[in-house]
Amino acid sequence: MRVVITGGTGFIGSILTAKLRESGHDVIILTRKPSFEQNGVQYVQWLTDNASPENELGQVDAVVNLAGVSINDGRWTTERKKQIHDSRITATQEVLRILRSLPEKPSVLVNGSAIGIYPPSLTEEYTESSIVVGDNFLAKTVYDWERLASHANNLGVRTVFTRFGIVLGKDGGALPLMKLPYLLYSGGKIGSGNQWFSWVHVEDVANAIIYSLENNAIEGPVNVVAPSPMHMNAFGKTVAKVLHRPHWFPVPSFVMELTLGEKSMIILQGQHVLPDKLLKNGFTFQYPSLKPALEDLL
């Protein structure tokens, strides 16, 4: 396949790019830098004045849209929330414009998304058939993002919304900050500890994206989470066990709220999410259980 990726140099995108290249696929990464080629990957300029990436892409078989300002960096000020929302909308609008411009459409668009679209709950269990949407900033952002990307269906492009859980990786995602208190011997229960933590290893994220590209039966929302979500307190205890550190120092909710502001909802609230669509379509998780995942990463 000839795959175009936005956000291809980011945390998930870089691992996805490497996996696609290892499997013999051609990769084109859209970038704000002038077009160039490096290590067998073609970089094509977009989202700048006078950039016309559609004229450089040639035949495209698939598109993966991961572009957007990180939700993990900095406090969620009014300005930061606007950047998070608008960066995803702007990138997706440009992806749709490019798709319309291509004389021959790719067969599939895999658009980034997040389980944050579901309302926080201690009791509900969410699968792809769940149609409820939360009323917080993150849910509204994801809803707008998916609704816009769904316009690719009108072009005859199979469209997939990969709803990522809390992605765990060595050098990105949530884990580097979450492990820090344990390394300092001060890890423990965060908030009530009963909030759900629907996690996924970054290798499984990249594998799930490729699986979605290659399987025509997969479309619409896809929950990209491990099949074994757990409560936050159990997650912390597992981190402590793998790192051989104590799990003893509780962090009350109000401390997290003072430290992180509105962004604390990511840690203090959660959703019990299951990857029904991936499992029913035969996807095999490399890391279905937390302890082996953490042993690989830590």
Protein backbone atom coordinates (compact mmCIF):
# COMPACT_ATOMS: atom_id res chain seq x y z
CA MET A 1 0.00 0.00 0.00
CA ARG A 2 0.93 3.62 -0.45
CA VAL A 3 -0.09 5.25 2.84
CA VAL A 4 -0.30 8.97 3.59
CA ILE A 5 0.05 9.89 7.27
CA THR A 6 -0.59 13.18 9.03
CA GLY A 7 1.07 13.44 12.42
CA GLY A 8 3.53 10.84 11.19
CA THR A 9 6.45 12.11 13.26
CA GLY A 10 4.53 12.09 16.54
CA PHE A 11 4.39 9.51 19.34
CA ILE A 12 2.02 7.09 17.60
CA GLY A 13 2.79 8.17 14.03
CA SER A 14 6.51 7.40 14.23
CA ILE A 15 5.89 3.84 15.44
CA LEU A 16 3.19 3.35 12.81
CA THR A 17 5.53 4.60 10.09
CA ALA A 18 8.26 2.16 11.15
CA LYS A 19 5.83 -0.77 11.16
CA LEU A 20 4.43 0.09 7.75
CA ARG A 21 7.93 0.38 6.30
CA GLU A 22 8.95 -2.95 7.84
CA SER A 23 5.94 -4.55 6.13
CA GLY A 24 7.00 -3.19 2.75
CA HIS A 25 4.46 -0.37 2.43
CA ASP A 26 5.32 3.04 0.99
CA VAL A 27 4.82 5.92 3.45
CA ILE A 28 4.25 9.60 2.76
CA ILE A 29 4.21 11.94 5.74
CA LEU A 30 2.55 15.33 5.44
CA THR A 31 4.68 17.99 7.13
CA ARG A 32 4.86 21.77 7.41
CA LYS A 33 8.50 21.62 6.26
CA PRO A 34 9.45 21.88 2.58
CA SER A 35 9.09 18.53 0.83
CA PHE A 36 12.02 16.10 1.06
CA GLU A 37 12.81 12.38 1.28
CA GLN A 38 14.63 10.60 4.09
CA ASN A 39 15.26 6.94 4.91
CA GLY A 40 12.84 5.80 2.26
CA VAL A 41 9.99 7.99 3.53
CA GLN A 42 8.63 10.83 1.41
CA TYR A 43 7.75 14.04 3.25
CA VAL A 44 5.28 16.36 1.51
CA GLN A 45 4.50 19.90 2.64
CA TRP A 46 0.97 20.81 3.69
CA LEU A 47 -0.93 23.39 5.80
CA THR A 48 1.31 26.22 4.61
CA ASP A 49 0.77 29.02 2.11
CA ASN A 50 0.92 27.80 -1.49
CA ALA A 51 1.30 24.13 -0.46
CA SER A 52 -0.54 21.75 -2.82
CA PRO A 53 0.24 18.27 -1.47
CA GLU A 54 -2.30 16.62 -3.78
CA ASN A 55 0.02 17.42 -6.70
CA GLU A 56 2.89 15.46 -5.13
CA LEU A 57 1.12 12.41 -3.71
CA GLY A 58 0.47 10.35 -6.82
CA GLN A 59 -1.61 7.22 -6.30
CA VAL A 60 -2.77 6.93 -2.67
CA ASP A 61 -4.21 3.71 -1.24
CA ALA A 62 -4.87 4.82 2.33
CA VAL A 63 -4.76 7.87 4.61
CA VAL A 64 -4.14 7.96 8.37
CA ASN A 65 -5.00 11.26 10.05
CA LEU A 66 -3.30 11.65 13.45
CA ALA A 67 -2.62 15.40 13.33
CA GLY A 68 -3.52 17.55 16.30
CA VAL A 69 -2.05 19.42 19.27
CA SER A 70 -1.31 17.06 22.17
CA ILE A 71 -3.84 17.01 25.02
CA ASN A 72 -1.06 16.04 27.45
CA ASP A 73 1.14 19.13 27.22
CA GLY A 74 0.40 22.10 29.49
CA ARG A 75 -2.72 23.16 31.37
CA TRP A 76 -6.02 23.37 29.56
CA THR A 77 -6.33 27.12 29.42
CA THR A 78 -9.01 28.61 27.19
CA GLU A 79 -6.37 29.24 24.54
CA ARG A 80 -4.92 25.73 24.84
CA LYS A 81 -8.35 24.10 24.51
CA LYS A 82 -8.98 26.12 21.37
CA GLN A 83 -5.66 24.92 19.95
CA ILE A 84 -6.48 21.29 20.76
CA HIS A 85 -9.89 21.51 19.11
CA ASP A 86 -9.03 23.71 16.13
CA SER A 87 -5.82 21.84 15.21
CA ARG A 88 -7.84 18.65 14.68
CA ILE A 89 -10.57 20.41 12.73
CA THR A 90 -8.13 22.31 10.50
CA ALA A 91 -6.08 19.20 9.71
CA THR A 92 -9.16 17.12 8.96
CA GLN A 93 -10.63 19.82 6.74
CA GLU A 94 -7.39 19.79 4.74
CA VAL A 95 -7.41 15.98 4.55
CA LEU A 96 -10.93 16.14 3.11
CA ARG A 97 -9.88 18.83 0.62
CA ILE A 98 -6.98 16.65 -0.52
CA LEU A 99 -9.27 13.62 -0.86
CA ARG A 100 -11.66 15.63 -3.03
CA SER A 101 -8.74 16.79 -5.20
CA LEU A 102 -7.37 13.31 -5.89
CA PRO A 103 -8.67 11.94 -9.19
CA GLU A 104 -8.59 8.41 -7.76
CA LYS A 105 -9.66 8.17 -4.12
CA PRO A 106 -7.90 6.02 -1.54
CA SER A 107 -9.90 3.06 -0.29
CA VAL A 108 -9.76 3.99 3.40
CA LEU A 109 -9.27 6.86 5.85
CA VAL A 110 -8.30 5.97 9.41
CA ASN A 111 -8.97 9.05 11.51
CA GLY A 112 -7.60 9.45 15.02
CA SER A 113 -10.12 9.70 17.84
CA ALA A 114 -10.38 8.98 21.56
CA ILE A 115 -12.47 7.12 24.13
CA GLY A 116 -12.92 10.53 25.75
CA ILE A 117 -16.05 10.79 23.61
CA TYR A 118 -17.81 8.53 26.15
CA PRO A 119 -19.15 10.04 29.39
CA PRO A 120 -17.10 9.28 32.53
CA SER A 121 -18.73 6.51 34.56
CA LEU A 122 -17.95 4.05 37.34
CA THR A 123 -20.69 1.66 36.26
CA GLU A 124 -21.28 1.87 32.50
CA GLU A 125 -19.45 -0.37 30.01
CA TYR A 126 -18.84 1.13 26.58
CA THR A 127 -18.43 -0.64 23.24
CA GLU A 128 -18.62 0.73 19.71
CA SER A 129 -22.39 0.30 19.80
CA SER A 130 -22.64 2.85 22.64
CA ILE A 131 -24.04 6.06 21.16
CA VAL A 132 -23.87 8.31 24.22
CA VAL A 133 -21.52 11.30 24.12
CA GLY A 134 -20.10 13.12 27.14
CA ASP A 135 -20.72 16.80 27.81
CA ASN A 136 -17.15 17.82 28.69
CA PHE A 137 -14.52 19.54 26.54
CA LEU A 138 -12.77 16.36 25.44
CA ALA A 139 -15.99 14.60 24.43
CA LYS A 140 -17.19 17.57 22.42
CA THR A 141 -13.82 17.86 20.67
CA VAL A 142 -13.81 14.18 19.70
CA TYR A 143 -17.43 14.37 18.55
CA ASP A 144 -16.69 17.34 16.28
CA TRP A 145 -13.57 15.60 14.95
CA GLU A 146 -15.39 12.38 14.05
CA ARG A 147 -18.40 14.16 12.58
CA LEU A 148 -16.16 16.14 10.23
CA ALA A 149 -14.05 13.14 9.21
CA SER A 150 -17.21 11.16 8.42
CA HIS A 151 -17.65 13.34 5.31
CA ALA A 152 -15.05 11.08 3.66
CA ASN A 153 -17.82 8.50 3.40
CA ASN A 154 -19.52 10.76 0.88
CA LEU A 155 -16.46 10.39 -1.35
CA GLY A 156 -16.72 6.60 -1.29
CA VAL A 157 -13.84 6.28 1.18
CA ARG A 158 -14.24 3.69 3.95
CA THR A 159 -13.82 5.68 7.17
CA VAL A 160 -12.59 4.38 10.52
CA PHE A 161 -12.46 6.32 13.81
CA THR A 162 -9.77 4.78 16.00
CA ARG A 163 -10.81 5.73 19.51
CA PHE A 164 -7.56 5.49 21.46
CA GLY A 165 -7.56 4.70 25.15
CA ILE A 166 -4.78 5.82 27.50
CA VAL A 167 -1.77 4.98 25.34
CA LEU A 168 1.27 3.59 27.17
CA GLY A 169 4.73 3.95 25.66
CA LYS A 170 8.33 4.32 26.77
CA ASP A 171 8.89 7.83 25.49
CA GLY A 172 5.39 9.24 25.06
CA GLY A 173 1.80 9.02 26.14
CA ALA A 174 0.74 8.88 29.78
CA LEU A 175 3.30 6.46 31.24
CA PRO A 176 6.41 8.67 31.66
CA LEU A 177 4.55 11.04 34.01
CA MET A 178 2.56 8.30 35.74
CA LYS A 179 5.65 6.28 36.64
CA LEU A 180 7.58 9.28 38.02
CA PRO A 181 6.04 9.27 41.54
CA TYR A 182 6.87 5.56 41.88
CA LEU A 183 10.46 6.14 40.84
CA LEU A 184 10.57 8.75 43.63
CA TYR A 185 9.02 6.29 46.14
CA SER A 186 5.90 8.44 46.41
CA GLY A 187 3.40 6.58 44.24
CA GLY A 188 -0.05 5.66 45.45
CA LYS A 189 -3.79 5.90 44.98
CA ILE A 190 -4.94 8.87 42.89
CA GLY A 191 -8.33 10.30 43.76
CA SER A 192 -10.80 7.61 44.74
CA GLY A 193 -8.80 4.95 42.91
CA ASN A 194 -12.08 3.48 41.66
CA GLN A 195 -12.08 5.35 38.34
CA TRP A 196 -11.66 3.15 35.28
CA PHE A 197 -8.38 3.13 33.38
CA SER A 198 -8.79 1.85 29.81
CA TRP A 199 -5.21 1.53 28.65
CA VAL A 200 -3.42 0.21 25.55
CA HIS A 201 0.21 -0.47 24.62
CA VAL A 202 1.42 1.79 21.80
CA GLU A 203 2.52 -1.25 19.76
CA ASP A 204 -1.07 -2.49 19.78
CA VAL A 205 -2.24 0.98 18.72
CA ALA A 206 -0.03 0.90 15.63
CA ASN A 207 -1.00 -2.71 14.90
CA ALA A 208 -4.71 -1.86 15.23
CA ILE A 209 -4.36 1.02 12.76
CA ILE A 210 -2.68 -1.25 10.21
CA TYR A 211 -5.33 -3.92 10.82
CA SER A 212 -8.02 -1.33 10.16
CA LEU A 213 -6.31 -0.28 6.94
CA GLU A 214 -6.14 -3.84 5.66
CA ASN A 215 -9.58 -5.15 6.67
CA ASN A 216 -12.50 -3.89 4.61
CA ALA A 217 -15.03 -5.12 7.19
CA ILE A 218 -13.84 -2.57 9.74
CA GLU A 219 -15.43 0.87 9.60
CA GLY A 220 -16.89 3.51 11.89
CA PRO A 221 -15.82 3.73 15.54
CA VAL A 222 -13.15 1.29 16.73
CA ASN A 223 -12.18 1.22 20.41
CA VAL A 224 -8.39 0.86 20.50
CA VAL A 225 -7.99 -0.30 24.09
CA ALA A 226 -6.63 -3.46 25.66
CA PRO A 227 -9.33 -6.03 26.52
CA SER A 228 -8.48 -5.77 30.23
CA PRO A 229 -9.31 -2.28 31.55
CA MET A 230 -8.81 -1.86 35.27
CA HIS A 231 -9.41 0.55 38.12
CA MET A 232 -6.81 3.27 38.64
CA ASN A 233 -5.73 1.90 42.01
CA ALA A 234 -5.08 -1.55 40.52
CA PHE A 235 -3.14 0.07 37.69
CA GLY A 236 -0.95 1.92 40.21
CA LYS A 237 -0.31 -1.24 42.20
CA THR A 238 0.82 -3.01 39.02
CA VAL A 239 3.19 -0.16 38.15
CA ALA A 240 4.62 -0.36 41.70
CA LYS A 241 5.09 -4.13 41.44
CA VAL A 242 6.88 -3.94 38.09
CA LEU A 243 9.15 -1.13 39.32
CA HIS A 244 9.67 -2.76 42.74
CA ARG A 245 8.45 0.34 44.50
CA PRO A 246 5.82 0.95 47.21
CA HIS A 247 2.24 1.94 46.45
CA TRP A 248 1.41 3.92 49.56
CA PHE A 249 1.20 7.69 49.11
CA PRO A 250 -2.38 8.77 48.25
CA VAL A 251 -2.99 11.88 46.14
CA PRO A 252 -6.41 13.44 46.90
CA SER A 253 -8.55 14.65 44.00
CA PHE A 254 -8.28 18.30 45.01
CA VAL A 255 -4.47 18.16 44.70
CA MET A 256 -4.75 16.87 41.14
CA GLU A 257 -7.33 19.53 40.33
CA LEU A 258 -5.10 22.28 41.72
CA THR A 259 -2.07 20.93 39.85
CA LEU A 260 -3.63 20.13 36.47
CA GLY A 261 -6.84 22.15 36.42
CA GLU A 262 -9.52 20.86 34.07
CA LYS A 263 -7.07 18.39 32.53
CA SER A 264 -7.17 16.40 35.79
CA MET A 265 -10.39 14.82 34.49
CA ILE A 266 -8.24 12.50 32.35
CA ILE A 267 -6.87 10.89 35.53
CA LEU A 268 -9.68 11.47 38.04
CA GLN A 269 -12.47 10.31 35.73
CA GLY A 270 -12.53 7.37 33.40
CA GLN A 271 -14.53 5.03 31.23
CA HIS A 272 -14.80 1.24 31.13
CA VAL A 273 -14.21 0.66 27.40
CA LEU A 274 -13.93 -2.64 25.53
CA PRO A 275 -12.50 -3.32 22.02
CA ASP A 276 -15.46 -5.35 20.75
CA LYS A 277 -15.03 -4.51 17.07
CA LEU A 278 -11.35 -5.43 16.94
CA LEU A 279 -11.91 -8.72 18.76
CA LYS A 280 -14.91 -9.70 16.65
CA ASN A 281 -12.88 -9.04 13.51
CA GLY A 282 -10.05 -11.31 14.62
CA PHE A 283 -7.47 -8.80 15.87
CA THR A 284 -4.93 -10.26 18.30
CA PHE A 285 -3.47 -7.99 20.96
CA GLN A 286 0.25 -8.29 21.53
CA TYR A 287 -0.26 -7.00 25.07
CA PRO A 288 -3.77 -7.89 26.30
CA SER A 289 -2.74 -7.77 30.00
CA LEU A 290 -1.19 -4.90 31.90
CA LYS A 291 1.71 -6.57 33.72
CA PRO A 292 3.46 -7.88 30.57
CA ALA A 293 2.83 -4.53 28.88
CA LEU A 294 4.49 -2.65 31.73
CA GLU A 295 7.35 -5.13 31.92
CA ASP A 296 8.04 -4.40 28.26
CA LEU A 297 7.86 -0.64 28.73
CA LEU A 298 9.46 -0.22 32.15
